[in-house]
Amino acid sequence: MEMTGGTTGAGIVSRTARQSRSLRAGLAGAALVAAVGLAGCQTAGVDSSLATTIDADQGSSQNIASLTEVIRANPNDPSGYNVRGSAFGRAGRYQDALRDFDRAIELNPRFFEAYANRALIYRSMGDPGRAAEDYNRAIKINPRYDTAYIGRGELYRRAGRTTEAFNDFQKAIELDTTDPRAFFRRGLVYQSRGQHDFAIDDFSTAISLQPNAPEPYNGRGLSYVATGQLDNAFDDFNYAIRLDDGIAESWANQGLVYEKRGETAKARKSYLRALQLDGKYEPARTGLARVGGKG
């Protein structure tokens, strides 16, 4: 989840909190089919996080109980509901999260972070229409709120409205965002357009902002493959695997490079590993078929 927290009644996020947003996995995002030939590998938008002032275990029952005590002591403070709503979101308790964000907005109708957080819950629940409405409200209240542009841009990207998605990611970047998702997702749009040099630059920026996230390495690697830079691609895919060896995409991407190099046995092994992790991952299935294996 990629929610924002507030420490004041107006819910203003500190710069430190903004910089803490990451690309780490949480929600399954829509995959982008890259035009890189052969496997048609995908770089997934599994790039979400929570940016709050509380720790990474915020979705735990213990933490939620602590936040509930804070709310009982300060029942009219909207920031408390916003933070607990973020914790509920982390725990997958979406209806509880919605109730908290509703209450935060009731107490402070200009709480733009709460609107953006509620939008993410709606997106997670498969309701992009309501999510878009809330992102629009957040932007109307604070036209410089980068998180809302990034969130709305992702809605557009998943809907195939790439021009509008690009414009929103571009706006966040023009606002000097330090959120790596803006660069990662703009890179995905560039990649979908075949503008791989621009995509590589954006993925590299995302990596500089969040070097321990595997997603931008996979994204950059696919653009390296598309531009014939197989050694660079191989390095990126291998590093993505070192960061998290449980992602099917990374193994399938590694298999693609082996395949292009003519190392069929190694390609087969990588594709099989990807399918062990995700038996429905189509780039691995088609890749394995090409190198003469069975899933």
Protein backbone atom coordinates (compact mmCIF):
# COMPACT_ATOMS: atom_id res chain seq x y z
CA MET A 1 0.00 0.00 0.00
CA GLU A 2 1.23 3.49 -0.77
CA MET A 3 -0.60 5.59 1.72
CA THR A 4 0.34 8.84 3.32
CA GLY A 5 0.10 9.75 6.93
CA GLY A 6 -0.45 12.99 8.71
CA THR A 7 0.91 14.33 11.97
CA THR A 8 -1.22 17.46 12.18
CA GLY A 9 -4.91 18.27 11.83
CA ALA A 10 -4.30 19.36 8.24
CA GLY A 11 -2.40 16.15 7.62
CA ILE A 12 0.72 17.76 6.20
CA VAL A 13 3.28 15.08 5.32
CA SER A 14 6.86 15.86 6.28
CA ARG A 15 9.59 15.74 3.66
CA THR A 16 11.11 12.81 5.52
CA ALA A 17 7.87 10.88 5.18
CA ARG A 18 7.65 11.72 1.50
CA GLN A 19 11.15 10.44 0.91
CA SER A 20 10.33 7.18 2.64
CA ARG A 21 7.91 6.05 -0.08
CA SER A 22 9.21 3.00 -1.93
CA LEU A 23 8.53 0.63 -4.77
CA ARG A 24 8.24 -2.43 -2.57
CA ALA A 25 5.62 -4.98 -3.36
CA GLY A 26 2.16 -4.83 -1.87
CA LEU A 27 -0.51 -4.64 -4.55
CA ALA A 28 -0.43 -6.70 -7.68
CA GLY A 29 -0.20 -4.12 -10.44
CA ALA A 30 -1.12 -4.42 -14.09
CA ALA A 31 1.70 -5.84 -16.19
CA LEU A 32 3.15 -3.92 -19.12
CA VAL A 33 3.92 -6.04 -22.17
CA ALA A 34 7.24 -4.71 -23.43
CA ALA A 35 8.02 -4.81 -27.11
CA VAL A 36 11.35 -6.53 -26.70
CA GLY A 37 10.80 -9.51 -29.01
CA LEU A 38 10.83 -13.23 -28.29
CA ALA A 39 9.31 -13.62 -24.84
CA GLY A 40 7.34 -10.41 -24.70
CA CYS A 41 8.34 -10.27 -21.04
CA GLN A 42 6.42 -8.15 -18.61
CA THR A 43 7.50 -5.65 -16.05
CA ALA A 44 4.81 -5.53 -13.41
CA GLY A 45 3.58 -2.52 -11.50
CA VAL A 46 4.01 -4.19 -8.16
CA ASP A 47 5.21 -0.97 -6.72
CA SER A 48 3.41 0.22 -3.65
CA SER A 49 4.16 1.30 -0.14
CA LEU A 50 2.96 3.16 2.91
CA ALA A 51 4.52 6.47 3.77
CA THR A 52 3.53 7.19 7.31
CA THR A 53 5.23 8.19 10.49
CA ILE A 54 4.82 4.73 12.01
CA ASP A 55 6.95 1.65 11.57
CA ALA A 56 6.86 -1.05 8.92
CA ASP A 57 4.81 -3.36 11.14
CA GLN A 58 1.88 -0.99 11.15
CA GLY A 59 -0.54 -3.63 9.88
CA SER A 60 -0.05 -5.78 12.96
CA SER A 61 -2.86 -6.26 15.45
CA GLN A 62 -0.66 -4.85 18.19
CA ASN A 63 0.01 -1.68 16.27
CA ILE A 64 -3.64 -1.22 15.32
CA ALA A 65 -4.58 -1.64 18.99
CA SER A 66 -2.07 1.04 19.96
CA LEU A 67 -3.46 3.40 17.34
CA THR A 68 -6.97 2.73 18.61
CA GLU A 69 -5.88 3.86 22.06
CA VAL A 70 -4.48 7.05 20.55
CA ILE A 71 -7.80 7.71 18.84
CA ARG A 72 -9.72 7.10 22.07
CA ALA A 73 -7.55 9.71 23.76
CA ASN A 74 -7.97 12.15 20.83
CA PRO A 75 -11.28 11.30 19.15
CA ASN A 76 -11.49 14.54 17.19
CA ASP A 77 -8.00 14.43 15.68
CA PRO A 78 -8.36 13.43 11.99
CA SER A 79 -4.71 12.44 11.67
CA GLY A 80 -5.21 9.55 14.07
CA TYR A 81 -7.91 8.06 11.87
CA ASN A 82 -5.75 8.60 8.79
CA VAL A 83 -2.82 6.73 10.30
CA ARG A 84 -4.98 3.88 11.60
CA GLY A 85 -6.71 3.69 8.24
CA SER A 86 -3.30 3.24 6.66
CA ALA A 87 -2.60 0.43 9.11
CA PHE A 88 -5.90 -1.24 8.27
CA GLY A 89 -5.01 -0.92 4.60
CA ARG A 90 -1.68 -2.60 5.20
CA ALA A 91 -3.51 -5.43 6.94
CA GLY A 92 -5.98 -5.82 4.07
CA ARG A 93 -8.89 -4.70 6.22
CA TYR A 94 -10.31 -2.41 3.56
CA GLN A 95 -13.74 -1.73 5.02
CA ASP A 96 -12.17 -0.71 8.34
CA ALA A 97 -9.73 1.49 6.43
CA LEU A 98 -12.57 3.17 4.54
CA ARG A 99 -14.41 3.93 7.77
CA ASP A 100 -11.33 5.58 9.22
CA PHE A 101 -10.62 7.67 6.13
CA ASP A 102 -14.28 8.67 5.98
CA ARG A 103 -14.07 9.83 9.58
CA ALA A 104 -10.82 11.72 8.97
CA ILE A 105 -12.42 13.55 6.04
CA GLU A 106 -15.57 14.25 8.05
CA LEU A 107 -13.43 15.90 10.72
CA ASN A 108 -11.30 17.75 8.17
CA PRO A 109 -12.88 18.03 4.70
CA ARG A 110 -9.61 19.46 3.33
CA PHE A 111 -7.48 16.50 4.46
CA PHE A 112 -6.03 15.77 1.05
CA GLU A 113 -3.83 12.88 2.21
CA ALA A 114 -6.90 11.07 3.53
CA TYR A 115 -8.58 11.44 0.14
CA ALA A 116 -5.51 9.96 -1.57
CA ASN A 117 -5.37 7.12 0.94
CA ARG A 118 -9.04 6.36 0.48
CA ALA A 119 -8.47 6.41 -3.28
CA LEU A 120 -5.86 3.68 -2.91
CA ILE A 121 -8.30 1.54 -0.95
CA TYR A 122 -10.92 1.97 -3.66
CA ARG A 123 -8.30 1.03 -6.26
CA SER A 124 -7.40 -2.06 -4.25
CA MET A 125 -11.08 -2.99 -4.08
CA GLY A 126 -11.45 -2.73 -7.85
CA ASP A 127 -13.34 0.58 -7.91
CA PRO A 128 -11.22 2.90 -10.09
CA GLY A 129 -14.08 5.35 -10.54
CA ARG A 130 -14.27 6.24 -6.87
CA ALA A 131 -10.49 6.17 -6.66
CA ALA A 132 -10.25 8.75 -9.44
CA GLU A 133 -12.83 10.96 -7.72
CA ASP A 134 -10.79 10.99 -4.54
CA TYR A 135 -7.52 11.68 -6.31
CA ASN A 136 -9.25 14.57 -8.09
CA ARG A 137 -10.46 15.93 -4.74
CA ALA A 138 -6.98 15.71 -3.27
CA ILE A 139 -5.52 17.59 -6.25
CA LYS A 140 -8.23 20.24 -6.10
CA ILE A 141 -7.42 20.90 -2.44
CA ASN A 142 -3.67 20.81 -2.99
CA PRO A 143 -2.61 21.16 -6.64
CA ARG A 144 1.00 20.51 -5.61
CA TYR A 145 0.34 17.14 -3.99
CA ASP A 146 2.61 14.81 -5.93
CA THR A 147 1.22 11.58 -4.43
CA ALA A 148 -2.24 12.21 -5.88
CA TYR A 149 -0.85 12.77 -9.37
CA ILE A 150 1.17 9.56 -9.11
CA GLY A 151 -1.85 7.59 -7.89
CA ARG A 152 -4.19 8.99 -10.52
CA GLY A 153 -1.56 8.44 -13.19
CA GLU A 154 -1.40 4.77 -12.24
CA LEU A 155 -5.17 4.52 -12.64
CA TYR A 156 -4.82 5.95 -16.13
CA ARG A 157 -1.90 3.65 -16.96
CA ARG A 158 -3.80 0.55 -15.91
CA ALA A 159 -6.73 1.68 -18.04
CA GLY A 160 -4.49 2.07 -21.09
CA ARG A 161 -4.83 5.87 -21.06
CA THR A 162 -1.11 6.35 -21.40
CA THR A 163 -1.10 10.00 -22.45
CA GLU A 164 -3.03 11.04 -19.35
CA ALA A 165 -0.88 8.75 -17.22
CA PHE A 166 2.27 10.29 -18.64
CA ASN A 167 0.99 13.80 -17.95
CA ASP A 168 0.28 12.99 -14.31
CA PHE A 169 3.67 11.36 -13.72
CA GLN A 170 5.29 14.29 -15.51
CA LYS A 171 3.44 16.75 -13.26
CA ALA A 172 4.64 14.97 -10.12
CA ILE A 173 8.21 15.09 -11.43
CA GLU A 174 7.87 18.79 -12.26
CA LEU A 175 6.83 19.29 -8.64
CA ASP A 176 10.27 17.92 -7.66
CA THR A 177 8.91 14.69 -6.23
CA THR A 178 11.35 12.36 -4.52
CA ASP A 179 8.89 9.48 -4.91
CA PRO A 180 10.52 6.79 -7.08
CA ARG A 181 7.14 5.57 -8.33
CA ALA A 182 6.77 8.66 -10.51
CA PHE A 183 9.95 7.85 -12.41
CA PHE A 184 9.33 4.10 -12.49
CA ARG A 185 5.83 4.50 -13.87
CA ARG A 186 6.79 7.19 -16.38
CA GLY A 187 9.52 4.79 -17.46
CA LEU A 188 6.88 2.13 -18.07
CA VAL A 189 4.98 4.55 -20.30
CA TYR A 190 8.14 5.41 -22.23
CA GLN A 191 8.83 1.69 -22.57
CA SER A 192 5.33 1.00 -23.90
CA ARG A 193 5.98 3.65 -26.57
CA GLY A 194 9.31 2.11 -27.56
CA GLN A 195 11.22 5.12 -26.20
CA HIS A 196 13.73 2.94 -24.42
CA ASP A 197 16.50 5.49 -23.88
CA PHE A 198 14.09 7.70 -21.94
CA ALA A 199 12.77 4.66 -20.11
CA ILE A 200 16.28 3.63 -19.07
CA ASP A 201 16.92 7.12 -17.67
CA ASP A 202 13.70 7.01 -15.63
CA PHE A 203 14.31 3.50 -14.30
CA SER A 204 17.83 4.59 -13.33
CA THR A 205 16.43 7.54 -11.39
CA ALA A 206 13.96 5.26 -9.62
CA ILE A 207 16.86 2.98 -8.70
CA SER A 208 18.85 5.89 -7.31
CA LEU A 209 15.89 6.82 -5.09
CA GLN A 210 15.11 3.25 -3.99
CA PRO A 211 18.07 0.98 -4.78
CA ASN A 212 16.69 -2.06 -2.99
CA ALA A 213 13.53 -2.45 -5.08
CA PRO A 214 13.73 -5.09 -7.83
CA GLU A 215 11.00 -3.67 -10.09
CA PRO A 216 13.01 -0.86 -11.74
CA TYR A 217 15.92 -3.23 -12.39
CA ASN A 218 13.53 -5.51 -14.27
CA GLY A 219 12.09 -2.55 -16.12
CA ARG A 220 15.48 -1.17 -17.09
CA GLY A 221 16.70 -4.61 -18.04
CA LEU A 222 13.86 -5.07 -20.52
CA SER A 223 14.70 -1.78 -22.18
CA TYR A 224 18.34 -2.86 -22.31
CA VAL A 225 17.20 -6.05 -24.07
CA ALA A 226 15.16 -3.98 -26.51
CA THR A 227 18.22 -1.89 -27.36
CA GLY A 228 20.55 -4.86 -27.69
CA GLN A 229 22.46 -4.27 -24.45
CA LEU A 230 22.30 -7.85 -23.24
CA ASP A 231 25.16 -7.63 -20.74
CA ASN A 232 23.57 -4.67 -18.99
CA ALA A 233 20.20 -6.41 -19.03
CA PHE A 234 21.69 -9.58 -17.55
CA ASP A 235 23.31 -7.59 -14.76
CA ASP A 236 19.99 -5.91 -13.93
CA PHE A 237 17.98 -9.14 -13.92
CA ASN A 238 20.55 -10.90 -11.76
CA TYR A 239 20.57 -8.01 -9.31
CA ALA A 240 16.77 -8.09 -9.14
CA ILE A 241 17.03 -11.78 -8.23
CA ARG A 242 19.59 -11.03 -5.52
CA LEU A 243 17.24 -8.44 -4.05
CA ASP A 244 14.26 -10.81 -4.08
CA ASP A 245 14.55 -14.31 -5.51
CA GLY A 246 10.83 -14.94 -5.19
CA ILE A 247 9.69 -12.90 -8.20
CA ALA A 248 8.83 -14.93 -11.29
CA GLU A 249 9.42 -12.03 -13.65
CA SER A 250 13.08 -11.71 -12.70
CA TRP A 251 13.78 -15.37 -13.44
CA ALA A 252 11.88 -15.26 -16.73
CA ASN A 253 13.83 -12.16 -17.72
CA GLN A 254 17.09 -13.92 -16.88
CA GLY A 255 15.90 -16.83 -19.02
CA LEU A 256 15.24 -14.45 -21.91
CA VAL A 257 18.86 -13.28 -21.90
CA TYR A 258 20.15 -16.84 -21.73
CA GLU A 259 17.86 -17.69 -24.64
CA LYS A 260 19.10 -14.79 -26.73
CA ARG A 261 22.67 -15.89 -26.01
CA GLY A 262 21.87 -19.38 -27.19
CA GLU A 263 22.36 -20.93 -23.73
CA THR A 264 19.29 -23.10 -23.97
CA ALA A 265 19.84 -25.28 -20.91
CA LYS A 266 20.32 -22.28 -18.65
CA ALA A 267 17.30 -20.54 -20.18
CA ARG A 268 15.18 -23.62 -19.53
CA LYS A 269 16.29 -23.71 -15.89
CA SER A 270 15.41 -20.03 -15.40
CA TYR A 271 12.00 -20.38 -17.02
CA LEU A 272 11.26 -23.43 -14.88
CA ARG A 273 12.19 -21.50 -11.75
CA ALA A 274 9.82 -18.70 -12.77
CA LEU A 275 7.01 -21.20 -13.23
CA GLN A 276 7.70 -22.75 -9.85
CA LEU A 277 7.03 -19.31 -8.38
CA ASP A 278 4.06 -18.52 -10.59
CA GLY A 279 2.67 -21.34 -12.69
CA LYS A 280 0.51 -18.91 -14.68
CA TYR A 281 3.30 -16.50 -15.64
CA GLU A 282 2.86 -16.52 -19.40
CA PRO A 283 6.27 -15.13 -20.49
CA ALA A 284 7.91 -18.04 -18.66
CA ARG A 285 5.53 -20.59 -20.20
CA THR A 286 6.06 -19.33 -23.73
CA GLY A 287 9.79 -18.99 -23.15
CA LEU A 288 10.03 -22.55 -21.89
CA ALA A 289 8.10 -23.78 -24.93
CA ARG A 290 10.55 -22.03 -27.24
CA VAL A 291 13.56 -23.71 -25.64
CA GLY A 292 11.97 -27.13 -25.72
CA GLY A 293 10.75 -27.64 -22.18
CA LYS A 294 7.50 -28.34 -20.40
CA GLY A 295 6.00 -26.43 -17.47
